[in-house]
Amino acid sequence: PTRSSYASLLQPRRRRRQLHLSAAPEDDRPLVPLSPVRQAACVGSLLALFTVNQWSRSLIFYLVDFTDRAGQPAAAVAEASRAFMNVELGFDQAQYGLLASLGFAAVFSFASFLAGLAVDKADARTL
């Protein structure tokens, strides 16, 4: 990245809005920089959201066990059905693969679309 590309980010908001055809009317209010405390709070909340996202994405991998349970006592099978979702639901490895990959991608895409609509309709100052 060049210095000029960074400089374009620092231009006043009203000059950047002129680049977009669907921009809102001119806003002459100056931009107020965020205080260091607010910057830290923003970064901290984004880090927390990222951590929760990664944790919830990988949680499904800890909820399955494809061990062959044929010949095991009924108590062991009952315990496994309580602990592992694939045993309780009767998932095989192929069905689990679809759930963990395409199922996640479909829900994530839909939620991203809704989040994009919300961001487009909301005022940038309130976000």
Foldseek 3Di string as FASTA:
>chain_A
DDPVVVVVVVDWPQVVQVVDPPRDPGDPDGDDDDDPVVVVVVVVVVVVVVVVVVCVLCVLVQQADQDDCPPPDPVVLVVNLVRHVCSVVVDDPVNSVCCSPVVVVVVVVVVVVVVVVVVVPDDPVVD
